[in-house]
Amino acid sequence: MSEVEKYSPVDAVSIDYVNILLIGAVGAGKSSYFNTINSIFRGHVTSQACSGSAEHSLTTVYRVYKIRSQETGFPLKFRLCDTRGLEEEQGIESADMLAILDGHLPDRYQFNPSMPVSPEITGYKKNPTLQDKIHVIAFVMDGCSVDVFPEKILTNIKATQQKANQRGIPQVVLLTKVDRVCQEVEQDLSQVFYSQAVQDLVDEVSQLLGLPRAHVLPVKNYEREMELDQGVDIPALLSVRQMLRFADDYLYNFVDER
């Protein structure tokens, strides 16, 4: 927690914070992940972002969330960017995704499936800076549904990966609801990194998306808990720390290229 609080982007690029983009199917736990990280640093369970289960995405706008230090009240030096959930019939349009990755979209942009992003929308950033761009992508996947993952959504994710690879953006998977795939982990969350069932799931997701296993990060979001639990906090903090390290890798590549 201390390491995450003290994080600052690579000095050579002179930006104030890095952007982590959350992408996933409806109900995978994107908004809940933000709430979980927010809870850890607020010191109690929060529900700032709308979360839950519904037929269609509860997130309808592009949100750039800040995490504030409980001690100082100041935002930490990373942002969690939440998008509408991917659906079989309604994904994120290719033009919209490019606009997000390249930093054109303003906070609170309202997604419209019938009208892709254009430079005419209010707040559109025509000349985005490095600070506006996405520095890491986190694909949020429900650990309970990996075996029956919809083909259309997987195709959408693969298309996003291709765009990210062209831009050199690192990618991870936040593997949620891991407590439901292993009874041992459900009873004792500290066993998450010792569970064979979770390890097998990490291997499966790694192969599915073509990412190294160290990029597949098992987490459990706050859902039914009323109070903070270190068993939830530790995997969540490890996932943030890993993403911040990957963000620095992206920034160092940018420095080397420049």
C-alpha atoms as a PDB file:
ATOM      1  CA  MET A   1       0.000   0.000   0.000  1.00  0.00           C
ATOM      2  CA  SER A   2       2.857   2.341   0.871  1.00  0.00           C
ATOM      3  CA  GLU A   3       4.598   1.539  -2.423  1.00  0.00           C
ATOM      4  CA  VAL A   4       1.444   2.363  -4.423  1.00  0.00           C
ATOM      5  CA  GLU A   5       0.893   5.597  -2.470  1.00  0.00           C
ATOM      6  CA  LYS A   6       4.457   6.740  -3.137  1.00  0.00           C
ATOM      7  CA  TYR A   7       4.352   5.840  -6.845  1.00  0.00           C
ATOM      8  CA  SER A   8       5.280   8.575  -9.306  1.00  0.00           C
ATOM      9  CA  PRO A   9       5.637   8.177 -13.110  1.00  0.00           C
ATOM     10  CA  VAL A  10       9.062   8.139 -14.741  1.00  0.00           C
ATOM     11  CA  ASP A  11      10.694  11.558 -14.212  1.00  0.00           C
ATOM     12  CA  ALA A  12      11.925  11.881 -17.796  1.00  0.00           C
ATOM     13  CA  VAL A  13       8.393  12.208 -19.245  1.00  0.00           C
ATOM     14  CA  SER A  14       7.094  14.955 -16.920  1.00  0.00           C
ATOM     15  CA  ILE A  15       3.535  13.690 -16.479  1.00  0.00           C
ATOM     16  CA  ASP A  16       1.531  13.845 -13.260  1.00  0.00           C
ATOM     17  CA  TYR A  17      -0.130  10.411 -13.412  1.00  0.00           C
ATOM     18  CA  VAL A  18      -0.645   7.293 -15.529  1.00  0.00           C
ATOM     19  CA  ASN A  19      -3.924   5.986 -16.969  1.00  0.00           C
ATOM     20  CA  ILE A  20      -5.095   2.379 -16.557  1.00  0.00           C
ATOM     21  CA  LEU A  21      -7.985   1.414 -18.852  1.00  0.00           C
ATOM     22  CA  LEU A  22     -10.467  -1.205 -17.581  1.00  0.00           C
ATOM     23  CA  ILE A  23     -12.150  -3.265 -20.316  1.00  0.00           C
ATOM     24  CA  GLY A  24     -14.433  -6.253 -19.832  1.00  0.00           C
ATOM     25  CA  ALA A  25     -17.776  -7.920 -20.368  1.00  0.00           C
ATOM     26  CA  VAL A  26     -20.899  -6.753 -18.548  1.00  0.00           C
ATOM     27  CA  GLY A  27     -20.745  -7.948 -14.938  1.00  0.00           C
ATOM     28  CA  ALA A  28     -17.051  -8.913 -15.016  1.00  0.00           C
ATOM     29  CA  GLY A  29     -16.276  -6.478 -12.193  1.00  0.00           C
ATOM     30  CA  LYS A  30     -14.704  -3.350 -13.759  1.00  0.00           C
ATOM     31  CA  SER A  31     -16.522  -0.797 -11.623  1.00  0.00           C
ATOM     32  CA  SER A  32     -16.284  -3.115  -8.600  1.00  0.00           C
ATOM     33  CA  TYR A  33     -12.497  -3.219  -9.051  1.00  0.00           C
ATOM     34  CA  PHE A  34     -12.348   0.579  -8.837  1.00  0.00           C
ATOM     35  CA  ASN A  35     -14.574   0.462  -5.749  1.00  0.00           C
ATOM     36  CA  THR A  36     -12.247  -2.126  -4.197  1.00  0.00           C
ATOM     37  CA  ILE A  37      -9.089  -0.062  -4.762  1.00  0.00           C
ATOM     38  CA  ASN A  38     -10.922   3.061  -3.637  1.00  0.00           C
ATOM     39  CA  SER A  39     -12.057   1.264  -0.471  1.00  0.00           C
ATOM     40  CA  ILE A  40      -8.510   0.261   0.453  1.00  0.00           C
ATOM     41  CA  PHE A  41      -7.245   3.841   0.331  1.00  0.00           C
ATOM     42  CA  ARG A  42     -10.376   5.380   1.877  1.00  0.00           C
ATOM     43  CA  GLY A  43     -10.156   3.034   4.852  1.00  0.00           C
ATOM     44  CA  HIS A  44     -13.671   1.603   4.520  1.00  0.00           C
ATOM     45  CA  VAL A  45     -15.809  -0.186   1.925  1.00  0.00           C
ATOM     46  CA  THR A  46     -17.059   2.321  -0.680  1.00  0.00           C
ATOM     47  CA  SER A  47     -19.417   2.209  -3.644  1.00  0.00           C
ATOM     48  CA  GLN A  48     -18.558   5.359  -5.586  1.00  0.00           C
ATOM     49  CA  ALA A  49     -18.953   3.675  -8.989  1.00  0.00           C
ATOM     50  CA  CYS A  50     -22.262   2.021  -9.884  1.00  0.00           C
ATOM     51  CA  SER A  51     -21.787  -1.750  -9.813  1.00  0.00           C
ATOM     52  CA  GLY A  52     -23.946  -4.841  -9.735  1.00  0.00           C
ATOM     53  CA  SER A  53     -25.553  -7.195 -12.232  1.00  0.00           C
ATOM     54  CA  ALA A  54     -27.836  -6.197 -15.085  1.00  0.00           C
ATOM     55  CA  GLU A  55     -28.639  -7.293 -18.624  1.00  0.00           C
ATOM     56  CA  HIS A  56     -26.803  -4.303 -20.090  1.00  0.00           C
ATOM     57  CA  SER A  57     -23.813  -2.316 -18.889  1.00  0.00           C
ATOM     58  CA  LEU A  58     -24.374  -0.177 -15.779  1.00  0.00           C
ATOM     59  CA  THR A  59     -21.509   2.016 -16.997  1.00  0.00           C
ATOM     60  CA  THR A  60     -22.737   4.186 -19.855  1.00  0.00           C
ATOM     61  CA  VAL A  61     -20.149   6.963 -19.708  1.00  0.00           C
ATOM     62  CA  TYR A  62     -16.367   7.042 -19.912  1.00  0.00           C
ATOM     63  CA  ARG A  63     -15.135   7.779 -16.397  1.00  0.00           C
ATOM     64  CA  VAL A  64     -11.636   8.699 -15.270  1.00  0.00           C
ATOM     65  CA  TYR A  65     -11.574   7.878 -11.558  1.00  0.00           C
ATOM     66  CA  LYS A  66      -9.095   9.259  -9.035  1.00  0.00           C
ATOM     67  CA  ILE A  67      -7.985   7.310  -5.957  1.00  0.00           C
ATOM     68  CA  ARG A  68      -7.330   9.576  -2.981  1.00  0.00           C
ATOM     69  CA  SER A  69      -4.977   8.982  -0.082  1.00  0.00           C
ATOM     70  CA  GLN A  70      -6.867   8.729   3.197  1.00  0.00           C
ATOM     71  CA  GLU A  71      -3.964  10.419   4.952  1.00  0.00           C
ATOM     72  CA  THR A  72      -3.519  13.476   2.719  1.00  0.00           C
ATOM     73  CA  GLY A  73      -6.759  13.603   0.706  1.00  0.00           C
ATOM     74  CA  PHE A  74      -4.710  14.139  -2.461  1.00  0.00           C
ATOM     75  CA  PRO A  75      -5.175  11.910  -5.545  1.00  0.00           C
ATOM     76  CA  LEU A  76      -2.590   9.177  -6.075  1.00  0.00           C
ATOM     77  CA  LYS A  77      -0.586   9.300  -9.292  1.00  0.00           C
ATOM     78  CA  PHE A  78      -2.680   6.925 -11.358  1.00  0.00           C
ATOM     79  CA  ARG A  79      -6.208   6.976 -12.794  1.00  0.00           C
ATOM     80  CA  LEU A  80      -8.591   4.052 -13.367  1.00  0.00           C
ATOM     81  CA  CYS A  81     -10.519   4.647 -16.604  1.00  0.00           C
ATOM     82  CA  ASP A  82     -13.843   2.805 -16.754  1.00  0.00           C
ATOM     83  CA  THR A  83     -15.671   2.060 -20.010  1.00  0.00           C
ATOM     84  CA  ARG A  84     -19.073   0.581 -20.834  1.00  0.00           C
ATOM     85  CA  GLY A  85     -19.187  -3.194 -20.514  1.00  0.00           C
ATOM     86  CA  LEU A  86     -18.673  -5.307 -23.624  1.00  0.00           C
ATOM     87  CA  GLU A  87     -21.810  -7.114 -24.847  1.00  0.00           C
ATOM     88  CA  GLU A  88     -22.356  -9.609 -27.653  1.00  0.00           C
ATOM     89  CA  GLU A  89     -24.603  -7.158 -29.486  1.00  0.00           C
ATOM     90  CA  GLN A  90     -23.097  -3.885 -28.268  1.00  0.00           C
ATOM     91  CA  GLY A  91     -19.332  -3.648 -28.028  1.00  0.00           C
ATOM     92  CA  ILE A  92     -17.181  -0.534 -28.057  1.00  0.00           C
ATOM     93  CA  GLU A  93     -16.921   0.775 -31.600  1.00  0.00           C
ATOM     94  CA  SER A  94     -13.452   0.624 -33.146  1.00  0.00           C
ATOM     95  CA  ALA A  95     -13.360   4.424 -33.547  1.00  0.00           C
ATOM     96  CA  ASP A  96     -14.370   4.855 -29.900  1.00  0.00           C
ATOM     97  CA  MET A  97     -11.621   2.501 -28.715  1.00  0.00           C
ATOM     98  CA  LEU A  98      -8.967   4.299 -30.772  1.00  0.00           C
ATOM     99  CA  ALA A  99     -10.157   7.610 -29.337  1.00  0.00           C
ATOM    100  CA  ILE A 100      -9.833   6.222 -25.797  1.00  0.00           C
ATOM    101  CA  LEU A 101      -6.373   4.710 -26.320  1.00  0.00           C
ATOM    102  CA  ASP A 102      -5.014   7.845 -27.988  1.00  0.00           C
ATOM    103  CA  GLY A 103      -6.400  10.163 -25.284  1.00  0.00           C
ATOM    104  CA  HIS A 104      -9.060  12.035 -27.273  1.00  0.00           C
ATOM    105  CA  LEU A 105     -12.063  11.291 -25.025  1.00  0.00           C
ATOM    106  CA  PRO A 106     -13.019  13.627 -22.174  1.00  0.00           C
ATOM    107  CA  ASP A 107     -14.038  12.355 -18.749  1.00  0.00           C
ATOM    108  CA  ARG A 108     -17.804  11.638 -18.548  1.00  0.00           C
ATOM    109  CA  TYR A 109     -18.207  11.174 -22.303  1.00  0.00           C
ATOM    110  CA  GLN A 110     -21.604   9.526 -22.932  1.00  0.00           C
ATOM    111  CA  PHE A 111     -21.293   6.449 -25.153  1.00  0.00           C
ATOM    112  CA  ASN A 112     -23.769   6.301 -28.042  1.00  0.00           C
ATOM    113  CA  PRO A 113     -23.881   2.951 -29.910  1.00  0.00           C
ATOM    114  CA  SER A 114     -25.492   4.610 -32.930  1.00  0.00           C
ATOM    115  CA  MET A 115     -22.970   7.458 -33.157  1.00  0.00           C
ATOM    116  CA  PRO A 116     -19.206   6.809 -32.983  1.00  0.00           C
ATOM    117  CA  VAL A 117     -16.790   9.399 -31.601  1.00  0.00           C
ATOM    118  CA  SER A 118     -15.935  12.355 -33.810  1.00  0.00           C
ATOM    119  CA  PRO A 119     -13.848  15.521 -33.313  1.00  0.00           C
ATOM    120  CA  GLU A 120     -17.110  17.487 -33.094  1.00  0.00           C
ATOM    121  CA  ILE A 121     -18.147  16.069 -29.685  1.00  0.00           C
ATOM    122  CA  THR A 122     -17.958  18.384 -26.680  1.00  0.00           C
ATOM    123  CA  GLY A 123     -14.601  18.163 -24.922  1.00  0.00           C
ATOM    124  CA  TYR A 124     -12.872  16.157 -27.693  1.00  0.00           C
ATOM    125  CA  LYS A 125      -9.090  16.543 -27.325  1.00  0.00           C
ATOM    126  CA  LYS A 126      -7.765  17.117 -30.828  1.00  0.00           C
ATOM    127  CA  ASN A 127      -4.116  17.175 -29.751  1.00  0.00           C
ATOM    128  CA  PRO A 128      -3.807  14.821 -26.779  1.00  0.00           C
ATOM    129  CA  THR A 129      -0.586  14.801 -24.763  1.00  0.00           C
ATOM    130  CA  LEU A 130       1.216  11.753 -23.358  1.00  0.00           C
ATOM    131  CA  GLN A 131      -0.656  12.292 -20.086  1.00  0.00           C
ATOM    132  CA  ASP A 132      -4.012  11.931 -21.878  1.00  0.00           C
ATOM    133  CA  LYS A 133      -3.124   8.576 -23.453  1.00  0.00           C
ATOM    134  CA  ILE A 134      -3.743   5.112 -21.990  1.00  0.00           C
ATOM    135  CA  HIS A 135      -0.564   3.626 -20.494  1.00  0.00           C
ATOM    136  CA  VAL A 136      -1.838   0.168 -19.437  1.00  0.00           C
ATOM    137  CA  ILE A 137      -4.912  -1.891 -20.392  1.00  0.00           C
ATOM    138  CA  ALA A 138      -6.526  -4.217 -17.856  1.00  0.00           C
ATOM    139  CA  PHE A 139      -8.933  -6.754 -19.341  1.00  0.00           C
ATOM    140  CA  VAL A 140     -11.323  -7.654 -16.526  1.00  0.00           C
ATOM    141  CA  MET A 141     -12.521 -11.274 -16.770  1.00  0.00           C
ATOM    142  CA  ASP A 142     -14.970 -13.175 -14.573  1.00  0.00           C
ATOM    143  CA  GLY A 143     -13.103 -16.270 -13.357  1.00  0.00           C
ATOM    144  CA  CYS A 144     -16.372 -18.228 -13.286  1.00  0.00           C
ATOM    145  CA  SER A 145     -17.121 -17.767 -16.997  1.00  0.00           C
ATOM    146  CA  VAL A 146     -13.747 -18.339 -18.700  1.00  0.00           C
ATOM    147  CA  ASP A 147     -14.893 -21.721 -20.061  1.00  0.00           C
ATOM    148  CA  VAL A 148     -17.994 -20.190 -21.671  1.00  0.00           C
ATOM    149  CA  PHE A 149     -16.524 -16.852 -22.709  1.00  0.00           C
ATOM    150  CA  PRO A 150     -18.627 -15.421 -25.602  1.00  0.00           C
ATOM    151  CA  GLU A 151     -16.799 -15.607 -28.931  1.00  0.00           C
ATOM    152  CA  LYS A 152     -17.982 -12.148 -30.057  1.00  0.00           C
ATOM    153  CA  ILE A 153     -16.623 -10.491 -26.927  1.00  0.00           C
ATOM    154  CA  LEU A 154     -13.334 -12.384 -27.247  1.00  0.00           C
ATOM    155  CA  THR A 155     -13.067 -11.137 -30.849  1.00  0.00           C
ATOM    156  CA  ASN A 156     -13.645  -7.583 -29.593  1.00  0.00           C
ATOM    157  CA  ILE A 157     -10.914  -7.997 -26.970  1.00  0.00           C
ATOM    158  CA  LYS A 158      -8.480  -9.438 -29.557  1.00  0.00           C
ATOM    159  CA  ALA A 159      -9.145  -6.420 -31.812  1.00  0.00           C
ATOM    160  CA  THR A 160      -8.347  -4.113 -28.888  1.00  0.00           C
ATOM    161  CA  GLN A 161      -5.159  -6.076 -28.177  1.00  0.00           C
ATOM    162  CA  GLN A 162      -4.072  -5.556 -31.777  1.00  0.00           C
ATOM    163  CA  LYS A 163      -4.573  -1.783 -31.464  1.00  0.00           C
ATOM    164  CA  ALA A 164      -2.735  -1.779 -28.126  1.00  0.00           C
ATOM    165  CA  ASN A 165       0.187  -3.783 -29.519  1.00  0.00           C
ATOM    166  CA  GLN A 166       0.547  -1.309 -32.384  1.00  0.00           C
ATOM    167  CA  ARG A 167       0.920   1.425 -29.753  1.00  0.00           C
ATOM    168  CA  GLY A 168       3.150  -0.576 -27.408  1.00  0.00           C
ATOM    169  CA  ILE A 169       0.583  -0.460 -24.588  1.00  0.00           C
ATOM    170  CA  PRO A 170       1.142  -3.196 -21.951  1.00  0.00           C
ATOM    171  CA  GLN A 171      -1.833  -5.422 -21.116  1.00  0.00           C
ATOM    172  CA  VAL A 172      -2.876  -7.440 -18.083  1.00  0.00           C
ATOM    173  CA  VAL A 173      -5.908  -9.497 -17.106  1.00  0.00           C
ATOM    174  CA  LEU A 174      -7.668  -8.852 -13.804  1.00  0.00           C
ATOM    175  CA  LEU A 175      -9.149 -12.253 -13.067  1.00  0.00           C
ATOM    176  CA  THR A 176     -12.087 -11.571 -10.740  1.00  0.00           C
ATOM    177  CA  LYS A 177     -14.318 -13.751  -8.537  1.00  0.00           C
ATOM    178  CA  VAL A 178     -11.526 -16.279  -7.945  1.00  0.00           C
ATOM    179  CA  ASP A 179     -13.082 -17.138  -4.577  1.00  0.00           C
ATOM    180  CA  ARG A 180     -15.919 -18.816  -6.484  1.00  0.00           C
ATOM    181  CA  VAL A 181     -13.679 -21.161  -8.455  1.00  0.00           C
ATOM    182  CA  CYS A 182     -11.994 -22.737  -5.431  1.00  0.00           C
ATOM    183  CA  GLN A 183     -13.618 -23.705  -2.145  1.00  0.00           C
ATOM    184  CA  GLU A 184     -10.281 -23.416  -0.332  1.00  0.00           C
ATOM    185  CA  VAL A 185      -9.884 -19.798  -1.478  1.00  0.00           C
ATOM    186  CA  GLU A 186     -13.506 -19.021  -0.593  1.00  0.00           C
ATOM    187  CA  GLN A 187     -12.832 -20.136   2.969  1.00  0.00           C
ATOM    188  CA  ASP A 188      -9.421 -18.444   3.213  1.00  0.00           C
ATOM    189  CA  LEU A 189      -8.553 -15.712   0.698  1.00  0.00           C
ATOM    190  CA  SER A 190      -4.879 -15.853   1.674  1.00  0.00           C
ATOM    191  CA  GLN A 191      -4.681 -19.145  -0.267  1.00  0.00           C
ATOM    192  CA  VAL A 192      -5.340 -17.472  -3.623  1.00  0.00           C
ATOM    193  CA  PHE A 193      -1.698 -17.808  -4.775  1.00  0.00           C
ATOM    194  CA  TYR A 194      -1.423 -21.404  -3.525  1.00  0.00           C
ATOM    195  CA  SER A 195      -4.613 -22.748  -5.125  1.00  0.00           C
ATOM    196  CA  GLN A 196      -4.144 -25.259  -7.962  1.00  0.00           C
ATOM    197  CA  ALA A 197      -7.597 -24.358  -9.333  1.00  0.00           C
ATOM    198  CA  VAL A 198      -6.653 -20.669  -9.547  1.00  0.00           C
ATOM    199  CA  GLN A 199      -3.290 -21.541 -11.108  1.00  0.00           C
ATOM    200  CA  ASP A 200      -5.021 -23.668 -13.752  1.00  0.00           C
ATOM    201  CA  LEU A 201      -7.387 -20.784 -14.485  1.00  0.00           C
ATOM    202  CA  VAL A 202      -4.470 -18.353 -14.823  1.00  0.00           C
ATOM    203  CA  ASP A 203      -2.837 -20.754 -17.315  1.00  0.00           C
ATOM    204  CA  GLU A 204      -6.085 -21.023 -19.293  1.00  0.00           C
ATOM    205  CA  VAL A 205      -6.582 -17.244 -19.501  1.00  0.00           C
ATOM    206  CA  SER A 206      -2.918 -16.741 -20.394  1.00  0.00           C
ATOM    207  CA  GLN A 207      -3.349 -19.030 -23.405  1.00  0.00           C
ATOM    208  CA  LEU A 208      -6.732 -17.544 -24.326  1.00  0.00           C
ATOM    209  CA  LEU A 209      -5.390 -13.994 -24.657  1.00  0.00           C
ATOM    210  CA  GLY A 210      -1.785 -14.799 -25.498  1.00  0.00           C
ATOM    211  CA  LEU A 211      -0.351 -12.984 -22.468  1.00  0.00           C
ATOM    212  CA  PRO A 212       2.399 -14.178 -20.079  1.00  0.00           C
ATOM    213  CA  ARG A 213       1.105 -15.738 -16.862  1.00  0.00           C
ATOM    214  CA  ALA A 214       2.648 -12.909 -14.819  1.00  0.00           C
ATOM    215  CA  HIS A 215       0.204 -10.607 -16.622  1.00  0.00           C
ATOM    216  CA  VAL A 216      -2.848 -12.537 -15.327  1.00  0.00           C
ATOM    217  CA  LEU A 217      -3.647 -11.133 -11.879  1.00  0.00           C
ATOM    218  CA  PRO A 218      -6.209 -12.949  -9.681  1.00  0.00           C
ATOM    219  CA  VAL A 219      -8.315 -10.647  -7.491  1.00  0.00           C
ATOM    220  CA  LYS A 220     -11.509 -10.691  -5.476  1.00  0.00           C
ATOM    221  CA  ASN A 221     -13.542  -7.480  -5.353  1.00  0.00           C
ATOM    222  CA  TYR A 222     -15.483  -6.209  -2.373  1.00  0.00           C
ATOM    223  CA  GLU A 223     -19.027  -7.441  -2.870  1.00  0.00           C
ATOM    224  CA  ARG A 224     -20.763  -8.724   0.257  1.00  0.00           C
ATOM    225  CA  GLU A 225     -18.225  -7.442   2.805  1.00  0.00           C
ATOM    226  CA  MET A 226     -19.132  -4.578   5.148  1.00  0.00           C
ATOM    227  CA  GLU A 227     -15.594  -4.086   6.479  1.00  0.00           C
ATOM    228  CA  LEU A 228     -12.123  -4.185   4.917  1.00  0.00           C
ATOM    229  CA  ASP A 229     -10.407  -7.570   4.697  1.00  0.00           C
ATOM    230  CA  GLN A 230      -6.655  -8.009   4.122  1.00  0.00           C
ATOM    231  CA  GLY A 231      -7.406 -11.149   2.115  1.00  0.00           C
ATOM    232  CA  VAL A 232      -9.142  -8.886  -0.438  1.00  0.00           C
ATOM    233  CA  ASP A 233      -6.715  -5.971  -0.125  1.00  0.00           C
ATOM    234  CA  ILE A 234      -3.412  -7.779  -0.712  1.00  0.00           C
ATOM    235  CA  PRO A 235      -4.122  -9.333  -4.164  1.00  0.00           C
ATOM    236  CA  ALA A 236      -5.774  -6.046  -5.233  1.00  0.00           C
ATOM    237  CA  LEU A 237      -2.739  -3.990  -4.181  1.00  0.00           C
ATOM    238  CA  LEU A 238      -0.366  -6.447  -5.861  1.00  0.00           C
ATOM    239  CA  SER A 239      -2.355  -6.056  -9.089  1.00  0.00           C
ATOM    240  CA  VAL A 240      -2.105  -2.242  -8.930  1.00  0.00           C
ATOM    241  CA  ARG A 241       1.623  -2.393  -8.205  1.00  0.00           C
ATOM    242  CA  GLN A 242       2.178  -4.697 -11.189  1.00  0.00           C
ATOM    243  CA  MET A 243       0.200  -2.394 -13.509  1.00  0.00           C
ATOM    244  CA  LEU A 244       2.137   0.665 -12.338  1.00  0.00           C
ATOM    245  CA  ARG A 245       5.399  -1.147 -13.073  1.00  0.00           C
ATOM    246  CA  PHE A 246       4.148  -1.982 -16.562  1.00  0.00           C
ATOM    247  CA  ALA A 247       3.092   1.661 -17.031  1.00  0.00           C
ATOM    248  CA  ASP A 248       6.673   2.702 -16.293  1.00  0.00           C
ATOM    249  CA  ASP A 249       7.881   0.160 -18.885  1.00  0.00           C
ATOM    250  CA  TYR A 250       5.652   1.872 -21.462  1.00  0.00           C
ATOM    251  CA  LEU A 251       6.977   5.298 -20.465  1.00  0.00           C
ATOM    252  CA  TYR A 252      10.609   4.145 -20.658  1.00  0.00           C
ATOM    253  CA  ASN A 253       9.941   2.861 -24.193  1.00  0.00           C
ATOM    254  CA  PHE A 254       8.536   6.297 -25.033  1.00  0.00           C
ATOM    255  CA  VAL A 255      11.657   7.966 -23.592  1.00  0.00           C
ATOM    256  CA  ASP A 256      13.964   5.640 -25.546  1.00  0.00           C
ATOM    257  CA  GLU A 257      12.054   6.259 -28.773  1.00  0.00           C
ATOM    258  CA  ARG A 258      12.170  10.005 -28.255  1.00  0.00           C
END
